Amino acid sequence: MPNYSGVWSLPAQYQAVGNETWTGLPLAAGDIGMFLGGTGHLTTRGYIYITSTGNEVDFGDIRSVSNSSGCGSSTRGIIARTDLNNSIDYITIRSAGDRVDFGDRTTYAVRPAALSNETRAVFCGQSFPTFGNTIDYITIASTGNATDFGDAVLTIVSSSSGCGSTTRGLIMGGETSPNDTNVIQYITFASAGDATDFGDLTESKQDITSVSNSTRAVRGGGVGDTNVMDYVTIASTGNATDFGDLSVGRTRIFCGNCSNSTRGIFAGGDGPAGDVNLIEYITIASTGNASDFGDMTSACENGAQLSNVHGGLA
């Protein structure tokens, strides 16, 4: 432990490393986007500062993460993890260190929709023990198993995406088995209850990702290596409108709401020529094609992304 001045002695640092409790130096305050795991990137924890551009910076190793979705609060990141289980893990965003067990979902789904405000994280998707329409939630600042929130408007097996504002969460697209859906549905974070139909995406897709500020949500990519992005205004209801194009159409972009009040981030994914290391950004308040941000540390797909300043937090 550090002394009363907050200084770690070398023996204490060595012991903490051996016990896997050493958190290292914290990241500077700012709008942090974080990328966790993924095929070809399984044990990597990296970050960017959303307000700038540049390549992903490695921030230490974690236990393998794949087929997962990210969300969280301004301090804690939540990983709705699969790997054939229903576990939920968390990280402290600005401190290096491994993911820590939070509890379990009430069901299991590959790449469930994960959405959050400062208080609650909500998950949607059910593929085990049977296909279903489960929505469940946790209180981010605590630990423990998820609690039933309500039911989705249709069965979502896997691979949908979530984002939202401080009050309303959106669940976009996904696999309904055997078909993909274009349905957008919404929930109110503060009150448990069934989801309500919001409108439709411009195409029926699974393996998508979405980003938001407090006003607008944007969906990008999806199965079939689509380059389409479309958007909705969160406080209203209605069908999505074309936003622009990703520079490379791809599926299984890192899943989670990685954005701030101005920019949305799309990282990695599986394109026509294989996995890519692209990081791209959009300006959420306008429309237009994605712009180059930088590169990930490796070409990868199927990881979780999150941020400490997304639309559910501001």
Protein backbone atom coordinates (compact mmCIF):
# COMPACT_ATOMS: atom_id res chain seq x y z
CA MET A 1 0.00 0.00 0.00
CA PRO A 2 1.15 3.59 -0.53
CA ASN A 3 2.24 5.63 2.48
CA TYR A 4 0.31 8.61 3.81
CA SER A 5 1.81 10.82 1.10
CA GLY A 6 0.43 8.46 -1.54
CA VAL A 7 3.89 7.16 -2.52
CA TRP A 8 4.52 3.48 -3.24
CA SER A 9 7.82 2.02 -1.98
CA LEU A 10 9.66 -0.28 -4.39
CA PRO A 11 9.03 -3.38 -2.18
CA ALA A 12 5.31 -2.50 -2.04
CA GLN A 13 5.20 -2.11 -5.83
CA TYR A 14 6.94 -5.46 -6.29
CA GLN A 15 4.50 -7.18 -3.93
CA ALA A 16 1.51 -5.60 -5.65
CA VAL A 17 2.73 -6.76 -9.06
CA GLY A 18 3.12 -10.28 -7.71
CA ASN A 19 -0.39 -10.18 -6.25
CA GLU A 20 -1.81 -8.71 -9.49
CA THR A 21 -3.13 -5.69 -7.54
CA TRP A 22 -0.71 -3.10 -8.97
CA THR A 23 -2.72 -0.56 -10.95
CA GLY A 24 0.20 1.44 -12.31
CA LEU A 25 -0.03 5.10 -13.20
CA PRO A 26 -3.52 6.41 -13.99
CA LEU A 27 -4.47 7.92 -17.31
CA ALA A 28 -4.72 11.68 -17.43
CA ALA A 29 -8.24 13.08 -17.10
CA GLY A 30 -10.04 13.50 -20.40
CA ASP A 31 -12.47 11.96 -22.86
CA ILE A 32 -11.17 8.40 -22.91
CA GLY A 33 -12.16 5.70 -25.37
CA MET A 34 -11.09 2.18 -24.45
CA PHE A 35 -10.80 -1.01 -26.52
CA LEU A 36 -10.81 -4.41 -24.81
CA GLY A 37 -9.83 -7.77 -26.27
CA GLY A 38 -11.22 -9.02 -29.55
CA THR A 39 -10.11 -11.64 -32.05
CA GLY A 40 -6.46 -10.91 -32.83
CA HIS A 41 -6.39 -8.53 -29.84
CA LEU A 42 -7.65 -10.89 -27.13
CA THR A 43 -5.69 -9.76 -24.08
CA THR A 44 -5.04 -6.13 -25.01
CA ARG A 45 -6.43 -3.12 -23.17
CA GLY A 46 -5.83 0.05 -25.14
CA TYR A 47 -7.06 3.62 -25.17
CA ILE A 48 -7.41 6.83 -27.15
CA TYR A 49 -8.38 10.38 -26.24
CA ILE A 50 -11.52 11.03 -28.27
CA THR A 51 -10.95 14.78 -28.61
CA SER A 52 -7.69 14.24 -30.53
CA THR A 53 -6.61 11.83 -33.25
CA GLY A 54 -3.88 9.20 -33.16
CA ASN A 55 -3.16 5.53 -32.74
CA GLU A 56 -4.41 3.33 -29.92
CA VAL A 57 -2.01 3.20 -26.96
CA ASP A 58 -1.51 -0.04 -25.05
CA PHE A 59 -2.60 0.13 -21.41
CA GLY A 60 -1.65 -3.32 -20.17
CA ASP A 61 -2.97 -6.84 -20.60
CA ILE A 62 -6.22 -8.34 -19.40
CA ARG A 63 -7.68 -11.81 -19.43
CA SER A 64 -9.07 -12.75 -22.83
CA VAL A 65 -12.16 -10.86 -24.01
CA SER A 66 -14.16 -11.73 -27.13
CA ASN A 67 -17.74 -11.63 -28.41
CA SER A 68 -18.42 -8.97 -25.80
CA SER A 69 -20.03 -5.55 -25.45
CA GLY A 70 -18.96 -2.53 -23.43
CA CYS A 71 -20.71 0.27 -21.57
CA GLY A 72 -20.22 2.01 -18.23
CA SER A 73 -20.16 5.14 -16.12
CA SER A 74 -17.69 8.01 -15.99
CA THR A 75 -15.37 5.95 -13.79
CA ARG A 76 -16.14 2.27 -14.32
CA GLY A 77 -16.29 0.25 -17.53
CA ILE A 78 -18.63 -2.73 -17.79
CA ILE A 79 -17.99 -5.72 -20.05
CA ALA A 80 -20.95 -7.93 -20.89
CA ARG A 81 -18.81 -10.89 -21.70
CA THR A 82 -19.72 -14.17 -23.36
CA ASP A 83 -17.18 -16.89 -24.19
CA LEU A 84 -20.02 -19.35 -23.52
CA ASN A 85 -20.95 -17.85 -20.17
CA ASN A 86 -23.14 -15.09 -18.76
CA SER A 87 -20.52 -13.24 -16.74
CA ILE A 88 -20.24 -9.48 -16.31
CA ASP A 89 -16.86 -7.91 -15.52
CA TYR A 90 -15.72 -4.38 -14.77
CA ILE A 91 -12.62 -2.22 -15.03
CA THR A 92 -11.69 1.13 -13.55
CA ILE A 93 -11.31 3.17 -16.71
CA ARG A 94 -8.39 5.41 -15.78
CA SER A 95 -6.40 2.75 -13.87
CA ALA A 96 -4.52 -0.11 -15.48
CA GLY A 97 -5.40 -3.56 -14.23
CA ASP A 98 -7.24 -6.72 -15.15
CA ARG A 99 -10.99 -6.99 -15.46
CA VAL A 100 -12.73 -7.94 -12.22
CA ASP A 101 -15.78 -10.16 -11.79
CA PHE A 102 -18.96 -8.13 -11.26
CA GLY A 103 -21.60 -10.87 -11.32
CA ASP A 104 -23.73 -12.73 -13.85
CA ARG A 105 -26.47 -11.87 -16.30
CA THR A 106 -29.79 -13.69 -15.89
CA THR A 107 -29.21 -15.26 -19.31
CA TYR A 108 -26.54 -15.61 -22.00
CA ALA A 109 -26.14 -13.97 -25.41
CA VAL A 110 -23.29 -13.34 -27.83
CA ARG A 111 -22.52 -9.60 -28.11
CA PRO A 112 -25.63 -8.47 -26.23
CA ALA A 113 -26.76 -4.88 -26.54
CA ALA A 114 -25.08 -3.02 -23.65
CA LEU A 115 -26.23 0.50 -22.79
CA SER A 116 -25.87 2.69 -19.72
CA ASN A 117 -26.27 5.97 -17.96
CA GLU A 118 -24.24 6.98 -14.89
CA THR A 119 -26.25 4.66 -12.62
CA ARG A 120 -27.45 1.60 -14.52
CA ALA A 121 -26.17 -0.71 -17.23
CA VAL A 122 -28.83 -2.54 -19.22
CA PHE A 123 -28.33 -5.62 -21.40
CA CYS A 124 -30.56 -7.15 -24.08
CA GLY A 125 -30.21 -10.56 -25.74
CA GLN A 126 -31.00 -14.18 -24.90
CA SER A 127 -29.72 -17.27 -26.68
CA PHE A 128 -29.47 -19.72 -23.73
CA PRO A 129 -31.11 -21.82 -22.40
CA THR A 130 -33.68 -20.89 -25.05
CA PHE A 131 -34.06 -17.95 -27.41
CA GLY A 132 -35.88 -15.13 -25.66
CA ASN A 133 -36.54 -11.43 -25.16
CA THR A 134 -34.77 -10.86 -21.85
CA ILE A 135 -33.61 -7.40 -20.75
CA ASP A 136 -31.74 -7.22 -17.45
CA TYR A 137 -29.67 -4.61 -15.59
CA ILE A 138 -27.09 -3.88 -12.92
CA THR A 139 -26.25 -0.90 -10.73
CA ILE A 140 -22.79 0.09 -11.98
CA ALA A 141 -21.31 1.37 -8.72
CA SER A 142 -21.96 -1.92 -6.90
CA THR A 143 -21.33 -5.56 -7.77
CA GLY A 144 -23.74 -8.46 -7.99
CA ASN A 145 -25.91 -10.39 -10.39
CA ALA A 146 -28.19 -8.71 -12.91
CA THR A 147 -31.88 -8.20 -12.20
CA ASP A 148 -34.76 -8.55 -14.63
CA PHE A 149 -35.63 -5.23 -16.27
CA GLY A 150 -38.43 -6.26 -18.63
CA ASP A 151 -38.93 -7.74 -22.08
CA ALA A 152 -37.80 -6.68 -25.52
CA VAL A 153 -40.47 -6.09 -28.16
CA LEU A 154 -39.17 -9.14 -30.04
CA THR A 155 -36.76 -12.00 -29.46
CA ILE A 156 -33.16 -10.78 -29.77
CA VAL A 157 -30.80 -13.75 -29.86
CA SER A 158 -27.51 -11.86 -30.19
CA SER A 159 -25.41 -9.17 -31.84
CA SER A 160 -27.58 -6.09 -31.35
CA SER A 161 -26.18 -2.76 -30.16
CA GLY A 162 -27.05 -0.27 -27.45
CA CYS A 163 -26.56 3.43 -26.73
CA GLY A 164 -28.67 6.35 -25.56
CA SER A 165 -29.04 9.54 -23.56
CA THR A 166 -29.06 10.03 -19.79
CA THR A 167 -32.73 9.07 -19.61
CA ARG A 168 -33.47 6.83 -22.60
CA GLY A 169 -31.62 3.78 -23.88
CA LEU A 170 -31.85 2.42 -27.42
CA ILE A 171 -31.48 -1.20 -28.55
CA MET A 172 -30.74 -1.42 -32.26
CA GLY A 173 -31.01 -4.31 -34.69
CA GLY A 174 -29.62 -7.76 -33.97
CA GLU A 175 -30.24 -11.39 -34.77
CA THR A 176 -33.74 -12.72 -34.21
CA SER A 177 -32.95 -16.21 -35.70
CA PRO A 178 -33.12 -17.05 -38.44
CA ASN A 179 -33.41 -13.46 -39.66
CA ASP A 180 -31.79 -10.17 -38.74
CA THR A 181 -34.00 -7.29 -37.63
CA ASN A 182 -34.08 -3.56 -38.36
CA VAL A 183 -36.15 -2.80 -35.26
CA ILE A 184 -35.06 -0.06 -32.88
CA GLN A 185 -36.57 -0.23 -29.39
CA TYR A 186 -36.15 1.95 -26.34
CA ILE A 187 -36.26 1.77 -22.55
CA THR A 188 -36.25 4.40 -19.80
CA PHE A 189 -33.20 3.79 -17.58
CA ALA A 190 -34.77 4.93 -14.32
CA SER A 191 -37.82 2.65 -14.49
CA ALA A 192 -37.80 -1.06 -15.16
CA GLY A 193 -40.32 -2.22 -17.73
CA ASP A 194 -40.78 -3.61 -21.21
CA ALA A 195 -39.12 -1.99 -24.20
CA THR A 196 -41.17 0.10 -26.63
CA ASP A 197 -40.90 0.18 -30.41
CA PHE A 198 -38.97 3.26 -31.59
CA GLY A 199 -38.77 2.76 -35.36
CA ASP A 200 -36.57 0.97 -37.91
CA LEU A 201 -32.99 1.11 -39.09
CA THR A 202 -32.48 1.59 -42.84
CA GLU A 203 -31.43 -2.08 -43.10
CA SER A 204 -31.84 -5.29 -41.11
CA LYS A 205 -28.47 -6.15 -39.58
CA GLN A 206 -26.70 -7.92 -36.76
CA ASP A 207 -23.08 -7.45 -35.65
CA ILE A 208 -23.47 -3.67 -35.64
CA THR A 209 -22.22 -1.01 -33.28
CA SER A 210 -23.71 2.32 -32.23
CA VAL A 211 -22.57 5.58 -30.65
CA SER A 212 -24.44 8.54 -29.20
CA ASN A 213 -24.32 11.91 -27.57
CA SER A 214 -27.24 13.12 -25.46
CA THR A 215 -29.27 13.98 -28.56
CA ARG A 216 -28.49 11.66 -31.46
CA ALA A 217 -27.64 7.97 -31.89
CA VAL A 218 -25.72 6.64 -34.91
CA ARG A 219 -25.47 3.01 -36.02
CA GLY A 220 -22.60 1.78 -38.22
CA GLY A 221 -21.59 -1.40 -40.06
CA GLY A 222 -23.03 -4.88 -39.79
CA VAL A 223 -23.11 -8.33 -41.30
CA GLY A 224 -22.41 -8.41 -45.03
CA ASP A 225 -19.62 -5.83 -44.61
CA THR A 226 -22.01 -2.92 -44.94
CA ASN A 227 -20.53 0.58 -44.79
CA VAL A 228 -23.88 2.20 -43.94
CA MET A 229 -24.34 4.55 -41.01
CA ASP A 230 -27.80 5.81 -40.04
CA TYR A 231 -29.12 7.89 -37.16
CA VAL A 232 -32.10 8.79 -35.01
CA THR A 233 -32.97 11.58 -32.59
CA ILE A 234 -33.12 9.85 -29.20
CA ALA A 235 -35.84 11.96 -27.55
CA SER A 236 -38.33 11.28 -30.36
CA THR A 237 -39.40 8.14 -32.16
CA GLY A 238 -39.23 7.29 -35.86
CA ASN A 239 -37.21 5.53 -38.51
CA ALA A 240 -33.47 6.04 -38.97
CA THR A 241 -32.07 8.36 -41.64
CA ASP A 242 -28.90 7.90 -43.67
CA PHE A 243 -25.87 9.50 -41.97
CA GLY A 244 -22.99 8.65 -44.31
CA ASP A 245 -20.52 5.85 -44.97
CA LEU A 246 -17.67 4.15 -43.18
CA SER A 247 -14.49 4.16 -45.27
CA VAL A 248 -14.48 0.34 -45.26
CA GLY A 249 -17.65 -1.71 -44.91
CA ARG A 250 -17.29 -4.19 -42.10
CA THR A 251 -18.99 -6.34 -39.51
CA ARG A 252 -18.22 -7.06 -35.86
CA ILE A 253 -16.81 -3.60 -35.21
CA PHE A 254 -15.86 -3.29 -31.54
CA CYS A 255 -19.20 -3.23 -29.74
CA GLY A 256 -20.15 -0.51 -27.26
CA ASN A 257 -20.87 3.19 -27.02
CA CYS A 258 -17.47 4.86 -27.50
CA SER A 259 -18.20 8.55 -27.94
CA ASN A 260 -18.25 11.96 -26.32
CA SER A 261 -20.63 14.88 -26.79
CA THR A 262 -19.09 15.62 -30.20
CA ARG A 263 -17.53 12.50 -31.71
CA GLY A 264 -18.39 8.83 -32.18
CA ILE A 265 -15.70 6.18 -32.65
CA PHE A 266 -15.80 3.03 -34.81
CA ALA A 267 -12.83 0.72 -34.23
CA GLY A 268 -11.68 -2.53 -35.83
CA GLY A 269 -13.98 -5.03 -37.48
CA ASP A 270 -13.99 -7.69 -40.18
CA GLY A 271 -13.95 -6.23 -43.69
CA PRO A 272 -13.98 -7.76 -47.18
CA ALA A 273 -10.21 -8.39 -47.01
CA GLY A 274 -10.17 -9.59 -43.37
CA ASP A 275 -9.82 -7.89 -40.03
CA VAL A 276 -8.82 -4.22 -40.02
CA ASN A 277 -6.98 -2.00 -37.55
CA LEU A 278 -8.88 1.15 -38.52
CA ILE A 279 -10.15 3.65 -36.00
CA GLU A 280 -12.61 6.10 -37.57
CA TYR A 281 -14.67 8.93 -36.16
CA ILE A 282 -17.76 10.92 -37.00
CA THR A 283 -19.08 14.26 -35.80
CA ILE A 284 -22.39 13.16 -34.30
CA ALA A 285 -24.25 16.48 -34.66
CA SER A 286 -23.67 16.62 -38.42
CA THR A 287 -23.95 14.00 -41.15
CA GLY A 288 -21.20 12.77 -43.44
CA ASN A 289 -18.69 10.01 -44.01
CA ALA A 290 -16.35 8.74 -41.33
CA SER A 291 -12.83 10.21 -41.08
CA ASP A 292 -9.56 8.50 -40.19
CA PHE A 293 -8.63 8.72 -36.50
CA GLY A 294 -5.63 6.37 -36.33
CA ASP A 295 -4.83 2.68 -35.99
CA MET A 296 -5.43 0.01 -33.38
CA THR A 297 -2.41 -1.90 -32.10
CA SER A 298 -3.48 -4.85 -34.27
CA ALA A 299 -6.15 -5.79 -36.79
CA CYS A 300 -9.04 -7.27 -34.85
CA GLU A 301 -12.79 -7.78 -34.45
CA ASN A 302 -15.31 -8.87 -31.82
CA GLY A 303 -13.95 -6.82 -28.92
CA ALA A 304 -15.68 -4.45 -26.50
CA GLN A 305 -15.35 -0.67 -26.60
CA LEU A 306 -16.53 1.94 -24.10
CA SER A 307 -15.89 5.48 -22.96
CA ASN A 308 -16.23 7.64 -19.86
CA VAL A 309 -18.14 10.44 -21.63
CA HIS A 310 -20.73 8.81 -23.91
CA GLY A 311 -24.24 10.10 -24.48
CA GLY A 312 -25.69 8.32 -21.48
CA LEU A 313 -23.42 10.34 -19.19
CA ALA A 314 -23.76 13.91 -20.43
